[in-house]
PDB file of N, CA and C in Angstrom:
ATOM      1  N   MET A   1      19.399   7.942   3.914  1.00  0.00           N
ATOM      2  CA  MET A   1      18.017   8.273   3.635  1.00  0.00           C
ATOM      3  C   MET A   1      17.145   7.020   3.682  1.00  0.00           C
ATOM      4  N   LYS A   2      17.681   5.908   3.149  1.00  0.00           N
ATOM      5  CA  LYS A   2      16.916   4.668   3.172  1.00  0.00           C
ATOM      6  C   LYS A   2      16.701   4.183   4.605  1.00  0.00           C
ATOM      7  N   LYS A   3      17.723   4.376   5.444  1.00  0.00           N
ATOM      8  CA  LYS A   3      17.596   3.946   6.840  1.00  0.00           C
ATOM      9  C   LYS A   3      16.539   4.766   7.564  1.00  0.00           C
ATOM     10  N   ALA A   4      16.525   6.068   7.317  1.00  0.00           N
ATOM     11  CA  ALA A   4      15.537   6.932   7.969  1.00  0.00           C
ATOM     12  C   ALA A   4      14.128   6.570   7.511  1.00  0.00           C
ATOM     13  N   THR A   5      13.968   6.291   6.231  1.00  0.00           N
ATOM     14  CA  THR A   5      12.662   5.889   5.707  1.00  0.00           C
ATOM     15  C   THR A   5      12.231   4.564   6.311  1.00  0.00           C
ATOM     16  N   PHE A   6      13.164   3.637   6.419  1.00  0.00           N
ATOM     17  CA  PHE A   6      12.852   2.336   7.005  1.00  0.00           C
ATOM     18  C   PHE A   6      12.438   2.478   8.465  1.00  0.00           C
ATOM     19  N   ILE A   7      13.174   3.271   9.227  1.00  0.00           N
ATOM     20  CA  ILE A   7      12.855   3.459  10.649  1.00  0.00           C
ATOM     21  C   ILE A   7      11.503   4.135  10.812  1.00  0.00           C
ATOM     22  N   LEU A   8      11.233   5.149  10.001  1.00  0.00           N
ATOM     23  CA  LEU A   8       9.952   5.849  10.082  1.00  0.00           C
ATOM     24  C   LEU A   8       8.792   4.926   9.728  1.00  0.00           C
ATOM     25  N   SER A   9       8.929   4.150   8.672  1.00  0.00           N
ATOM     26  CA  SER A   9       7.862   3.219   8.300  1.00  0.00           C
ATOM     27  C   SER A   9       7.699   2.125   9.351  1.00  0.00           C
ATOM     28  N   PHE A  10       8.797   1.692   9.952  1.00  0.00           N
ATOM     29  CA  PHE A  10       8.745   0.687  11.011  1.00  0.00           C
ATOM     30  C   PHE A  10       7.973   1.220  12.219  1.00  0.00           C
ATOM     31  N   LEU A  11       8.232   2.471  12.604  1.00  0.00           N
ATOM     32  CA  LEU A  11       7.527   3.072  13.738  1.00  0.00           C
ATOM     33  C   LEU A  11       6.040   3.252  13.446  1.00  0.00           C
ATOM     34  N   ILE A  12       5.717   3.676  12.237  1.00  0.00           N
ATOM     35  CA  ILE A  12       4.310   3.863  11.877  1.00  0.00           C
ATOM     36  C   ILE A  12       3.582   2.524  11.864  1.00  0.00           C
ATOM     37  N   LEU A  13       4.250   1.501  11.372  1.00  0.00           N
ATOM     38  CA  LEU A  13       3.636   0.182  11.283  1.00  0.00           C
ATOM     39  C   LEU A  13       3.367  -0.419  12.660  1.00  0.00           C
ATOM     40  N   PHE A  14       4.300  -0.233  13.591  1.00  0.00           N
ATOM     41  CA  PHE A  14       4.181  -0.870  14.898  1.00  0.00           C
ATOM     42  C   PHE A  14       3.712   0.076  15.999  1.00  0.00           C
ATOM     43  N   LYS A  15       3.158   1.229  15.650  1.00  0.00           N
ATOM     44  CA  LYS A  15       2.657   2.167  16.653  1.00  0.00           C
ATOM     45  C   LYS A  15       1.536   1.562  17.510  1.00  0.00           C
ATOM     46  N   PRO A  16       0.599   0.802  16.942  1.00  0.00           N
ATOM     47  CA  PRO A  16      -0.439   0.199  17.795  1.00  0.00           C
ATOM     48  C   PRO A  16       0.092  -0.851  18.769  1.00  0.00           C
ATOM     49  N   VAL A  17       1.266  -1.381  18.534  1.00  0.00           N
ATOM     50  CA  VAL A  17       1.821  -2.442  19.380  1.00  0.00           C
ATOM     51  C   VAL A  17       2.592  -1.861  20.562  1.00  0.00           C
ATOM     52  N   ILE A  18       2.899  -0.577  20.527  1.00  0.00           N
ATOM     53  CA  ILE A  18       3.721   0.045  21.571  1.00  0.00           C
ATOM     54  C   ILE A  18       3.114  -0.106  22.969  1.00  0.00           C
ATOM     55  N   PRO A  19       1.801   0.114  23.186  1.00  0.00           N
ATOM     56  CA  PRO A  19       1.263  -0.095  24.546  1.00  0.00           C
ATOM     57  C   PRO A  19       1.419  -1.534  25.049  1.00  0.00           C
ATOM     58  N   VAL A  20       1.306  -2.501  24.158  1.00  0.00           N
ATOM     59  CA  VAL A  20       1.471  -3.903  24.570  1.00  0.00           C
ATOM     60  C   VAL A  20       2.922  -4.166  24.969  1.00  0.00           C
ATOM     61  N   LEU A  21       3.860  -3.632  24.195  1.00  0.00           N
ATOM     62  CA  LEU A  21       5.275  -3.803  24.542  1.00  0.00           C
ATOM     63  C   LEU A  21       5.605  -3.102  25.857  1.00  0.00           C
ATOM     64  N   GLU A  22       5.017  -1.935  26.069  1.00  0.00           N
ATOM     65  CA  GLU A  22       5.221  -1.214  27.328  1.00  0.00           C
ATOM     66  C   GLU A  22       4.664  -2.030  28.498  1.00  0.00           C
ATOM     67  N   TYR A  23       3.509  -2.648  28.300  1.00  0.00           N
ATOM     68  CA  TYR A  23       2.903  -3.488  29.337  1.00  0.00           C
ATOM     69  C   TYR A  23       3.808  -4.679  29.660  1.00  0.00           C
ATOM     70  N   MET A  24       4.373  -5.290  28.624  1.00  0.00           N
ATOM     71  CA  MET A  24       5.247  -6.439  28.860  1.00  0.00           C
ATOM     72  C   MET A  24       6.538  -6.021  29.557  1.00  0.00           C
ATOM     73  N   ALA A  25       7.067  -4.862  29.216  1.00  0.00           N
ATOM     74  CA  ALA A  25       8.338  -4.421  29.794  1.00  0.00           C
ATOM     75  C   ALA A  25       8.185  -4.020  31.259  1.00  0.00           C
ATOM     76  N   PHE A  26       7.103  -3.345  31.598  1.00  0.00           N
ATOM     77  CA  PHE A  26       6.900  -2.835  32.958  1.00  0.00           C
ATOM     78  C   PHE A  26       5.764  -3.572  33.664  1.00  0.00           C
ATOM     79  N   TYR A  27       5.689  -4.885  33.444  1.00  0.00           N
ATOM     80  CA  TYR A  27       4.587  -5.690  33.968  1.00  0.00           C
ATOM     81  C   TYR A  27       4.476  -5.600  35.491  1.00  0.00           C
ATOM     82  N   ASP A  28       5.567  -5.769  36.204  1.00  0.00           N
ATOM     83  CA  ASP A  28       5.522  -5.761  37.676  1.00  0.00           C
ATOM     84  C   ASP A  28       5.087  -4.404  38.216  1.00  0.00           C
ATOM     85  N   TYR A  29       5.621  -3.335  37.659  1.00  0.00           N
ATOM     86  CA  TYR A  29       5.250  -1.991  38.119  1.00  0.00           C
ATOM     87  C   TYR A  29       3.780  -1.705  37.827  1.00  0.00           C
ATOM     88  N   ILE A  30       3.311  -2.072  36.656  1.00  0.00           N
ATOM     89  CA  ILE A  30       1.906  -1.830  36.297  1.00  0.00           C
ATOM     90  C   ILE A  30       0.992  -2.657  37.186  1.00  0.00           C
ATOM     91  N   LYS A  31       1.386  -3.904  37.456  1.00  0.00           N
ATOM     92  CA  LYS A  31       0.549  -4.791  38.272  1.00  0.00           C
ATOM     93  C   LYS A  31       0.426  -4.282  39.706  1.00  0.00           C
ATOM     94  N   THR A  32       1.516  -3.756  40.265  1.00  0.00           N
ATOM     95  CA  THR A  32       1.481  -3.342  41.674  1.00  0.00           C
ATOM     96  C   THR A  32       1.058  -1.895  41.877  1.00  0.00           C
ATOM     97  N   GLU A  33       1.363  -1.007  40.949  1.00  0.00           N
ATOM     98  CA  GLU A  33       1.113   0.422  41.167  1.00  0.00           C
ATOM     99  C   GLU A  33      -0.031   1.003  40.330  1.00  0.00           C
ATOM    100  N   LEU A  34      -0.128   0.644  39.074  1.00  0.00           N
ATOM    101  CA  LEU A  34      -1.067   1.312  38.174  1.00  0.00           C
ATOM    102  C   LEU A  34      -2.381   0.569  37.965  1.00  0.00           C
ATOM    103  N   CYS A  35      -2.468  -0.664  38.381  1.00  0.00           N
ATOM    104  CA  CYS A  35      -3.681  -1.450  38.177  1.00  0.00           C
ATOM    105  C   CYS A  35      -4.826  -0.876  39.000  1.00  0.00           C
ATOM    106  N   VAL A  36      -5.983  -0.740  38.376  1.00  0.00           N
ATOM    107  CA  VAL A  36      -7.163  -0.214  39.063  1.00  0.00           C
ATOM    108  C   VAL A  36      -7.676  -1.229  40.079  1.00  0.00           C
ATOM    109  N   ASN A  37      -7.564  -2.507  39.764  1.00  0.00           N
ATOM    110  CA  ASN A  37      -8.096  -3.570  40.617  1.00  0.00           C
ATOM    111  C   ASN A  37      -7.018  -4.231  41.477  1.00  0.00           C
ATOM    112  N   ARG A  38      -5.986  -3.503  41.881  1.00  0.00           N
ATOM    113  CA  ARG A  38      -4.916  -4.112  42.679  1.00  0.00           C
ATOM    114  C   ARG A  38      -5.395  -4.472  44.091  1.00  0.00           C
ATOM    115  N   ASP A  39      -6.494  -3.842  44.560  1.00  0.00           N
ATOM    116  CA  ASP A  39      -7.046  -4.167  45.879  1.00  0.00           C
ATOM    117  C   ASP A  39      -7.923  -5.416  45.830  1.00  0.00           C
ATOM    118  N   LYS A  40      -8.221  -5.904  44.635  1.00  0.00           N
ATOM    119  CA  LYS A  40      -9.084  -7.079  44.474  1.00  0.00           C
ATOM    120  C   LYS A  40      -8.295  -8.188  43.768  1.00  0.00           C
ATOM    121  N   PRO A  41      -7.496  -8.948  44.506  1.00  0.00           N
ATOM    122  CA  PRO A  41      -6.648  -9.970  43.869  1.00  0.00           C
ATOM    123  C   PRO A  41      -7.437 -11.140  43.283  1.00  0.00           C
ATOM    124  N   LYS A  42      -8.701 -11.321  43.688  1.00  0.00           N
ATOM    125  CA  LYS A  42      -9.495 -12.424  43.159  1.00  0.00           C
ATOM    126  C   LYS A  42      -9.816 -12.232  41.671  1.00  0.00           C
ATOM    127  N   LEU A  43      -9.823 -10.992  41.210  1.00  0.00           N
ATOM    128  CA  LEU A  43     -10.119 -10.722  39.800  1.00  0.00           C
ATOM    129  C   LEU A  43      -8.966 -11.124  38.879  1.00  0.00           C
ATOM    130  N   GLN A  44      -7.774 -11.233  39.434  1.00  0.00           N
ATOM    131  CA  GLN A  44      -6.567 -11.570  38.679  1.00  0.00           C
ATOM    132  C   GLN A  44      -6.421 -10.689  37.435  1.00  0.00           C
ATOM    133  N   CYS A  45      -6.582  -9.402  37.645  1.00  0.00           N
ATOM    134  CA  CYS A  45      -6.469  -8.429  36.555  1.00  0.00           C
ATOM    135  C   CYS A  45      -5.021  -8.289  36.108  1.00  0.00           C
ATOM    136  N   ASN A  46      -4.110  -8.194  37.062  1.00  0.00           N
ATOM    137  CA  ASN A  46      -2.668  -8.108  36.804  1.00  0.00           C
ATOM    138  C   ASN A  46      -2.299  -6.996  35.819  1.00  0.00           C
ATOM    139  N   GLY A  47      -2.997  -5.895  35.883  1.00  0.00           N
ATOM    140  CA  GLY A  47      -2.655  -4.742  35.047  1.00  0.00           C
ATOM    141  C   GLY A  47      -3.299  -4.730  33.679  1.00  0.00           C
ATOM    142  N   LYS A  48      -4.143  -5.706  33.377  1.00  0.00           N
ATOM    143  CA  LYS A  48      -4.794  -5.738  32.067  1.00  0.00           C
ATOM    144  C   LYS A  48      -5.767  -4.574  31.896  1.00  0.00           C
ATOM    145  N   CYS A  49      -6.317  -4.085  32.999  1.00  0.00           N
ATOM    146  CA  CYS A  49      -7.210  -2.926  32.921  1.00  0.00           C
ATOM    147  C   CYS A  49      -6.437  -1.697  32.439  1.00  0.00           C
ATOM    148  N   TYR A  50      -5.216  -1.541  32.925  1.00  0.00           N
ATOM    149  CA  TYR A  50      -4.358  -0.428  32.492  1.00  0.00           C
ATOM    150  C   TYR A  50      -4.006  -0.575  31.006  1.00  0.00           C
ATOM    151  N   LEU A  51      -3.726  -1.805  30.591  1.00  0.00           N
ATOM    152  CA  LEU A  51      -3.414  -2.064  29.183  1.00  0.00           C
ATOM    153  C   LEU A  51      -4.603  -1.721  28.296  1.00  0.00           C
ATOM    154  N   MET A  52      -5.803  -2.133  28.700  1.00  0.00           N
ATOM    155  CA  MET A  52      -7.001  -1.836  27.908  1.00  0.00           C
ATOM    156  C   MET A  52      -7.240  -0.331  27.816  1.00  0.00           C
ATOM    157  N   LYS A  53      -6.977   0.380  28.914  1.00  0.00           N
ATOM    158  CA  LYS A  53      -7.147   1.834  28.912  1.00  0.00           C
ATOM    159  C   LYS A  53      -6.173   2.481  27.925  1.00  0.00           C
ATOM    160  N   LYS A  54      -4.918   2.032  27.929  1.00  0.00           N
ATOM    161  CA  LYS A  54      -3.914   2.580  27.014  1.00  0.00           C
ATOM    162  C   LYS A  54      -4.246   2.256  25.557  1.00  0.00           C
ATOM    163  N   LEU A  55      -4.710   1.034  25.298  1.00  0.00           N
ATOM    164  CA  LEU A  55      -5.087   0.662  23.934  1.00  0.00           C
ATOM    165  C   LEU A  55      -6.272   1.488  23.445  1.00  0.00           C
ATOM    166  N   ALA A  56      -7.235   1.746  24.336  1.00  0.00           N
ATOM    167  CA  ALA A  56      -8.383   2.574  23.963  1.00  0.00           C
ATOM    168  C   ALA A  56      -7.943   4.001  23.649  1.00  0.00           C
ATOM    169  N   GLU A  57      -7.007   4.538  24.440  1.00  0.00           N
ATOM    170  CA  GLU A  57      -6.506   5.893  24.184  1.00  0.00           C
ATOM    171  C   GLU A  57      -5.790   5.976  22.840  1.00  0.00           C
ATOM    172  N   SER A  58      -4.975   4.975  22.543  1.00  0.00           N
ATOM    173  CA  SER A  58      -4.237   5.015  21.273  1.00  0.00           C
ATOM    174  C   SER A  58      -5.175   4.861  20.081  1.00  0.00           C
ATOM    175  N   SER A  59      -6.195   4.013  20.203  1.00  0.00           N
ATOM    176  CA  SER A  59      -7.140   3.869  19.091  1.00  0.00           C
ATOM    177  C   SER A  59      -7.988   5.129  18.927  1.00  0.00           C
ATOM    178  N   GLU A  60      -8.315   5.801  20.043  1.00  0.00           N
ATOM    179  CA  GLU A  60      -9.052   7.066  19.955  1.00  0.00           C
ATOM    180  C   GLU A  60      -8.224   8.127  19.253  1.00  0.00           C
ATOM    181  N   SER A  61      -6.949   8.213  19.602  1.00  0.00           N
ATOM    182  CA  SER A  61      -6.096   9.229  18.973  1.00  0.00           C
ATOM    183  C   SER A  61      -5.935   8.955  17.480  1.00  0.00           C
ATOM    184  N   GLU A  62      -5.846   7.687  17.092  1.00  0.00           N
ATOM    185  CA  GLU A  62      -5.744   7.352  15.672  1.00  0.00           C
ATOM    186  C   GLU A  62      -7.038   7.675  14.942  1.00  0.00           C
ATOM    187  N   SER A  63      -8.185   7.370  15.558  1.00  0.00           N
ATOM    188  CA  SER A  63      -9.457   7.665  14.896  1.00  0.00           C
ATOM    189  C   SER A  63      -9.679   9.170  14.798  1.00  0.00           C
ATOM    190  N   ASP A  64      -9.241   9.935  15.814  1.00  0.00           N
ATOM    191  CA  ASP A  64      -9.345  11.394  15.738  1.00  0.00           C
ATOM    192  C   ASP A  64      -8.484  11.939  14.607  1.00  0.00           C
ATOM    193  N   ASN A  65      -7.286  11.401  14.455  1.00  0.00           N
ATOM    194  CA  ASN A  65      -6.410  11.834  13.363  1.00  0.00           C
ATOM    195  C   ASN A  65      -7.030  11.511  12.011  1.00  0.00           C
ATOM    196  N   ASP A  66      -7.648  10.331  11.896  1.00  0.00           N
ATOM    197  CA  ASP A  66      -8.287   9.951  10.641  1.00  0.00           C
ATOM    198  C   ASP A  66      -9.466  10.864  10.332  1.00  0.00           C
ATOM    199  N   LYS A  67     -10.248  11.209  11.362  1.00  0.00           N
ATOM    200  CA  LYS A  67     -11.390  12.100  11.151  1.00  0.00           C
ATOM    201  C   LYS A  67     -10.923  13.481  10.719  1.00  0.00           C
ATOM    202  N   ASN A  68      -9.865  13.985  11.341  1.00  0.00           N
ATOM    203  CA  ASN A  68      -9.344  15.299  10.967  1.00  0.00           C
ATOM    204  C   ASN A  68      -8.817  15.296   9.540  1.00  0.00           C
ATOM    205  N   ASN A  69      -8.125  14.253   9.159  1.00  0.00           N
ATOM    206  CA  ASN A  69      -7.573  14.178   7.805  1.00  0.00           C
ATOM    207  C   ASN A  69      -8.671  14.034   6.768  1.00  0.00           C
ATOM    208  N   SER A  70      -9.702  13.248   7.064  1.00  0.00           N
ATOM    209  CA  SER A  70     -10.759  13.034   6.082  1.00  0.00           C
ATOM    210  C   SER A  70     -11.663  14.248   5.957  1.00  0.00           C
ATOM    211  N   SER A  71     -11.853  15.013   7.030  1.00  0.00           N
ATOM    212  CA  SER A  71     -12.744  16.168   6.953  1.00  0.00           C
ATOM    213  C   SER A  71     -12.121  17.298   6.152  1.00  0.00           C
ATOM    214  N   THR A  72     -10.811  17.441   6.186  1.00  0.00           N
ATOM    215  CA  THR A  72     -10.176  18.520   5.432  1.00  0.00           C
ATOM    216  C   THR A  72     -10.093  18.196   3.952  1.00  0.00           C
ATOM    217  N   SER A  73     -10.041  16.936   3.608  1.00  0.00           N
ATOM    218  CA  SER A  73      -9.877  16.585   2.207  1.00  0.00           C
ATOM    219  C   SER A  73     -11.172  16.108   1.554  1.00  0.00           C
ATOM    220  N   SER A  74     -12.303  16.230   2.222  1.00  0.00           N
ATOM    221  CA  SER A  74     -13.548  15.782   1.613  1.00  0.00           C
ATOM    222  C   SER A  74     -13.935  16.746   0.498  1.00  0.00           C
ATOM    223  N   GLY A  75     -14.202  16.197  -0.654  1.00  0.00           N
ATOM    224  CA  GLY A  75     -14.587  17.006  -1.793  1.00  0.00           C
ATOM    225  C   GLY A  75     -13.416  17.596  -2.549  1.00  0.00           C
ATOM    226  N   GLU A  76     -12.228  17.462  -2.041  1.00  0.00           N
ATOM    227  CA  GLU A  76     -11.041  18.002  -2.684  1.00  0.00           C
ATOM    228  C   GLU A  76     -10.133  16.860  -3.088  1.00  0.00           C
ATOM    229  N   LEU A  77      -9.636  16.939  -4.278  1.00  0.00           N
ATOM    230  CA  LEU A  77      -8.702  15.926  -4.741  1.00  0.00           C
ATOM    231  C   LEU A  77      -7.491  16.634  -5.304  1.00  0.00           C
ATOM    232  N   GLN A  78      -6.350  16.347  -4.737  1.00  0.00           N
ATOM    233  CA  GLN A  78      -5.131  16.992  -5.203  1.00  0.00           C
ATOM    234  C   GLN A  78      -4.404  16.059  -6.152  1.00  0.00           C
ATOM    235  N   ILE A  79      -4.088  16.572  -7.318  1.00  0.00           N
ATOM    236  CA  ILE A  79      -3.345  15.802  -8.294  1.00  0.00           C
ATOM    237  C   ILE A  79      -1.878  16.147  -8.118  1.00  0.00           C
ATOM    238  N   VAL A  80      -1.109  15.156  -7.767  1.00  0.00           N
ATOM    239  CA  VAL A  80       0.296  15.385  -7.485  1.00  0.00           C
ATOM    240  C   VAL A  80       1.110  15.371  -8.780  1.00  0.00           C
ATOM    241  N   PHE A  81       0.796  14.459  -9.682  1.00  0.00           N
ATOM    242  CA  PHE A  81       1.569  14.327 -10.901  1.00  0.00           C
ATOM    243  C   PHE A  81       0.624  14.051 -12.049  1.00  0.00           C
ATOM    244  N   PHE A  82       0.788  14.787 -13.119  1.00  0.00           N
ATOM    245  CA  PHE A  82      -0.027  14.567 -14.304  1.00  0.00           C
ATOM    246  C   PHE A  82       0.845  14.787 -15.521  1.00  0.00           C
ATOM    247  N   GLN A  83       0.862  13.828 -16.399  1.00  0.00           N
ATOM    248  CA  GLN A  83       1.624  13.961 -17.630  1.00  0.00           C
ATOM    249  C   GLN A  83       0.711  13.561 -18.775  1.00  0.00           C
ATOM    250  N   GLU A  84       0.450  14.516 -19.639  1.00  0.00           N
ATOM    251  CA  GLU A  84      -0.403  14.245 -20.785  1.00  0.00           C
ATOM    252  C   GLU A  84       0.469  13.717 -21.914  1.00  0.00           C
ATOM    253  N   PHE A  85       0.025  12.675 -22.559  1.00  0.00           N
ATOM    254  CA  PHE A  85       0.767  12.144 -23.687  1.00  0.00           C
ATOM    255  C   PHE A  85      -0.214  11.848 -24.805  1.00  0.00           C
ATOM    256  N   SER A  86       0.294  11.838 -25.974  1.00  0.00           N
ATOM    257  CA  SER A  86      -0.552  11.546 -27.126  1.00  0.00           C
ATOM    258  C   SER A  86       0.106  10.445 -27.941  1.00  0.00           C
ATOM    259  N   ILE A  87      -0.716   9.740 -28.641  1.00  0.00           N
ATOM    260  CA  ILE A  87      -0.224   8.662 -29.492  1.00  0.00           C
ATOM    261  C   ILE A  87       0.053   9.260 -30.863  1.00  0.00           C
ATOM    262  N   ASN A  88       1.270   9.165 -31.288  1.00  0.00           N
ATOM    263  CA  ASN A  88       1.682   9.757 -32.560  1.00  0.00           C
ATOM    264  C   ASN A  88       1.822   8.695 -33.646  1.00  0.00           C
ATOM    265  N   ASN A  89       0.776   7.979 -33.857  1.00  0.00           N
ATOM    266  CA  ASN A  89       0.762   6.948 -34.896  1.00  0.00           C
ATOM    267  C   ASN A  89       1.871   5.919 -34.702  1.00  0.00           C
ATOM    268  N   LEU A  90       2.283   5.702 -33.474  1.00  0.00           N
ATOM    269  CA  LEU A  90       3.335   4.724 -33.222  1.00  0.00           C
ATOM    270  C   LEU A  90       2.809   3.297 -33.313  1.00  0.00           C
ATOM    271  N   PHE A  91       1.577   3.118 -32.923  1.00  0.00           N
ATOM    272  CA  PHE A  91       1.039   1.774 -32.858  1.00  0.00           C
ATOM    273  C   PHE A  91       0.102   1.458 -34.016  1.00  0.00           C
ATOM    274  N   ILE A  92      -0.007   2.352 -34.938  1.00  0.00           N
ATOM    275  CA  ILE A  92      -0.865   2.110 -36.091  1.00  0.00           C
ATOM    276  C   ILE A  92      -0.031   1.414 -37.155  1.00  0.00           C
ATOM    277  N   LEU A  93      -0.488   0.261 -37.557  1.00  0.00           N
ATOM    278  CA  LEU A  93       0.251  -0.504 -38.549  1.00  0.00           C
ATOM    279  C   LEU A  93       0.027   0.095 -39.932  1.00  0.00           C
ATOM    280  N   PRO A  94       1.062   0.136 -40.724  1.00  0.00           N
ATOM    281  CA  PRO A  94       0.880   0.690 -42.073  1.00  0.00           C
ATOM    282  C   PRO A  94      -0.003  -0.221 -42.921  1.00  0.00           C
ATOM    283  N   LYS A  95      -0.791   0.393 -43.737  1.00  0.00           N
ATOM    284  CA  LYS A  95      -1.671  -0.373 -44.619  1.00  0.00           C
ATOM    285  C   LYS A  95      -0.844  -0.969 -45.751  1.00  0.00           C
ATOM    286  N   GLU A  96      -1.277  -2.112 -46.175  1.00  0.00           N
ATOM    287  CA  GLU A  96      -0.576  -2.754 -47.282  1.00  0.00           C
ATOM    288  C   GLU A  96      -0.826  -1.959 -48.551  1.00  0.00           C
ATOM    289  N   GLU A  97       0.238  -1.673 -49.224  1.00  0.00           N
ATOM    290  CA  GLU A  97       0.108  -0.944 -50.478  1.00  0.00           C
ATOM    291  C   GLU A  97      -0.173  -1.947 -51.589  1.00  0.00           C
ATOM    292  N   LYS A  98      -1.191  -1.647 -52.317  1.00  0.00           N
ATOM    293  CA  LYS A  98      -1.522  -2.523 -53.438  1.00  0.00           C
ATOM    294  C   LYS A  98      -0.842  -1.966 -54.681  1.00  0.00           C
ATOM    295  N   SER A  99       0.105  -2.678 -55.107  1.00  0.00           N
ATOM    296  CA  SER A  99       0.802  -2.284 -56.324  1.00  0.00           C
ATOM    297  C   SER A  99       0.593  -3.363 -57.378  1.00  0.00           C
ATOM    298  N   LYS A 100       0.887  -2.991 -58.546  1.00  0.00           N
ATOM    299  CA  LYS A 100       0.696  -3.929 -59.645  1.00  0.00           C
ATOM    300  C   LYS A 100       1.881  -4.883 -59.684  1.00  0.00           C
ATOM    301  N   VAL A 101       1.630  -6.086 -59.227  1.00  0.00           N
ATOM    302  CA  VAL A 101       2.642  -7.128 -59.204  1.00  0.00           C
ATOM    303  C   VAL A 101       2.032  -8.333 -59.894  1.00  0.00           C
ATOM    304  N   LEU A 102       2.869  -9.155 -60.395  1.00  0.00           N
ATOM    305  CA  LEU A 102       2.364 -10.363 -61.026  1.00  0.00           C
ATOM    306  C   LEU A 102       1.538 -11.156 -60.024  1.00  0.00           C
ATOM    307  N   SER A 103       0.407 -11.619 -60.421  1.00  0.00           N
ATOM    308  CA  SER A 103      -0.501 -12.304 -59.512  1.00  0.00           C
ATOM    309  C   SER A 103       0.090 -13.596 -58.978  1.00  0.00           C
ATOM    310  N   SER A 104       0.876 -14.280 -59.759  1.00  0.00           N
ATOM    311  CA  SER A 104       1.460 -15.532 -59.285  1.00  0.00           C
ATOM    312  C   SER A 104       2.453 -15.278 -58.150  1.00  0.00           C
ATOM    313  N   TYR A 105       3.207 -14.203 -58.235  1.00  0.00           N
ATOM    314  CA  TYR A 105       4.168 -13.868 -57.184  1.00  0.00           C
ATOM    315  C   TYR A 105       3.457 -13.381 -55.927  1.00  0.00           C
ATOM    316  N   SER A 106       2.426 -12.588 -56.046  1.00  0.00           N
ATOM    317  CA  SER A 106       1.727 -12.055 -54.881  1.00  0.00           C
ATOM    318  C   SER A 106       0.994 -13.141 -54.115  1.00  0.00           C
ATOM    319  N   ASN A 107       0.628 -14.212 -54.766  1.00  0.00           N
ATOM    320  CA  ASN A 107      -0.030 -15.311 -54.066  1.00  0.00           C
ATOM    321  C   ASN A 107       0.969 -16.142 -53.268  1.00  0.00           C
ATOM    322  N   ILE A 108       2.217 -16.140 -53.661  1.00  0.00           N
ATOM    323  CA  ILE A 108       3.229 -16.934 -52.983  1.00  0.00           C
ATOM    324  C   ILE A 108       3.762 -16.208 -51.750  1.00  0.00           C
ATOM    325  N   TYR A 109       4.003 -14.944 -51.883  1.00  0.00           N
ATOM    326  CA  TYR A 109       4.679 -14.190 -50.819  1.00  0.00           C
ATOM    327  C   TYR A 109       3.754 -13.120 -50.255  1.00  0.00           C
ATOM    328  N   LYS A 110       3.642 -13.112 -48.933  1.00  0.00           N
ATOM    329  CA  LYS A 110       2.860 -12.075 -48.266  1.00  0.00           C
ATOM    330  C   LYS A 110       3.578 -11.742 -46.966  1.00  0.00           C
ATOM    331  N   PHE A 111       3.820 -10.467 -46.731  1.00  0.00           N
ATOM    332  CA  PHE A 111       4.527 -10.035 -45.527  1.00  0.00           C
ATOM    333  C   PHE A 111       3.560  -9.266 -44.635  1.00  0.00           C
ATOM    334  N   SER A 112       3.556  -9.596 -43.381  1.00  0.00           N
ATOM    335  CA  SER A 112       2.701  -8.906 -42.423  1.00  0.00           C
ATOM    336  C   SER A 112       3.555  -8.530 -41.215  1.00  0.00           C
ATOM    337  N   PHE A 113       3.392  -7.299 -40.741  1.00  0.00           N
ATOM    338  CA  PHE A 113       4.159  -6.854 -39.578  1.00  0.00           C
ATOM    339  C   PHE A 113       3.762  -7.620 -38.317  1.00  0.00           C
ATOM    340  N   ILE A 114       2.554  -8.055 -38.251  1.00  0.00           N
ATOM    341  CA  ILE A 114       2.064  -8.745 -37.059  1.00  0.00           C
ATOM    342  C   ILE A 114       2.781 -10.082 -36.878  1.00  0.00           C
ATOM    343  N   ASP A 115       3.105 -10.743 -37.966  1.00  0.00           N
ATOM    344  CA  ASP A 115       3.784 -12.028 -37.869  1.00  0.00           C
ATOM    345  C   ASP A 115       5.252 -11.888 -37.497  1.00  0.00           C
ATOM    346  N   CYS A 116       5.795 -10.683 -37.541  1.00  0.00           N
ATOM    347  CA  CYS A 116       7.214 -10.476 -37.249  1.00  0.00           C
ATOM    348  C   CYS A 116       7.511 -10.392 -35.759  1.00  0.00           C
ATOM    349  N   ILE A 117       6.517 -10.451 -34.929  1.00  0.00           N
ATOM    350  CA  ILE A 117       6.739 -10.355 -33.494  1.00  0.00           C
ATOM    351  C   ILE A 117       7.508 -11.589 -33.038  1.00  0.00           C
ATOM    352  N   PHE A 118       8.559 -11.347 -32.271  1.00  0.00           N
ATOM    353  CA  PHE A 118       9.404 -12.444 -31.814  1.00  0.00           C
ATOM    354  C   PHE A 118       8.663 -13.302 -30.796  1.00  0.00           C
ATOM    355  N   HIS A 119       8.693 -14.580 -31.024  1.00  0.00           N
ATOM    356  CA  HIS A 119       8.137 -15.539 -30.079  1.00  0.00           C
ATOM    357  C   HIS A 119       9.271 -16.440 -29.620  1.00  0.00           C
ATOM    358  N   PRO A 120       9.414 -16.637 -28.314  1.00  0.00           N
ATOM    359  CA  PRO A 120      10.487 -17.510 -27.839  1.00  0.00           C
ATOM    360  C   PRO A 120      10.241 -18.949 -28.283  1.00  0.00           C
ATOM    361  N   PRO A 121      11.286 -19.717 -28.402  1.00  0.00           N
ATOM    362  CA  PRO A 121      11.124 -21.103 -28.857  1.00  0.00           C
ATOM    363  C   PRO A 121      10.349 -21.933 -27.841  1.00  0.00           C
ATOM    364  N   LEU A 122       9.552 -22.822 -28.355  1.00  0.00           N
ATOM    365  CA  LEU A 122       8.788 -23.721 -27.495  1.00  0.00           C
ATOM    366  C   LEU A 122       9.658 -24.903 -27.104  1.00  0.00           C
ATOM    367  N   VAL A 123       9.534 -25.311 -25.866  1.00  0.00           N
ATOM    368  CA  VAL A 123      10.345 -26.421 -25.367  1.00  0.00           C
ATOM    369  C   VAL A 123       9.571 -27.699 -25.479  1.00  0.00           C
TER     370      VAL A 123
END
């Protein structure tokens, strides 16, 4: 499954590069047979006109796909996953209870939950 996902993402990523690779692979055939300007060697087109035509076609097809996808989903938002959660007093610190303790002892010792958070040692 991972291989199929990788191959599919690889193809989607490099789809715009396919006409350029095709041009490089079949350079001689494109230059001699498919070039529009093959009768005019002074222009030194060498099949670049065919490459530009193919690149324009691929960009048009991608823009058409984008327009079709955006027009169907305009104004509509699909929620794929939603999980409602509530806070159940997990993060609320308990209030200090004031009890009758000797004042001398209460001034010496004070415990706070906030100070109990572990801090790594400083180097």
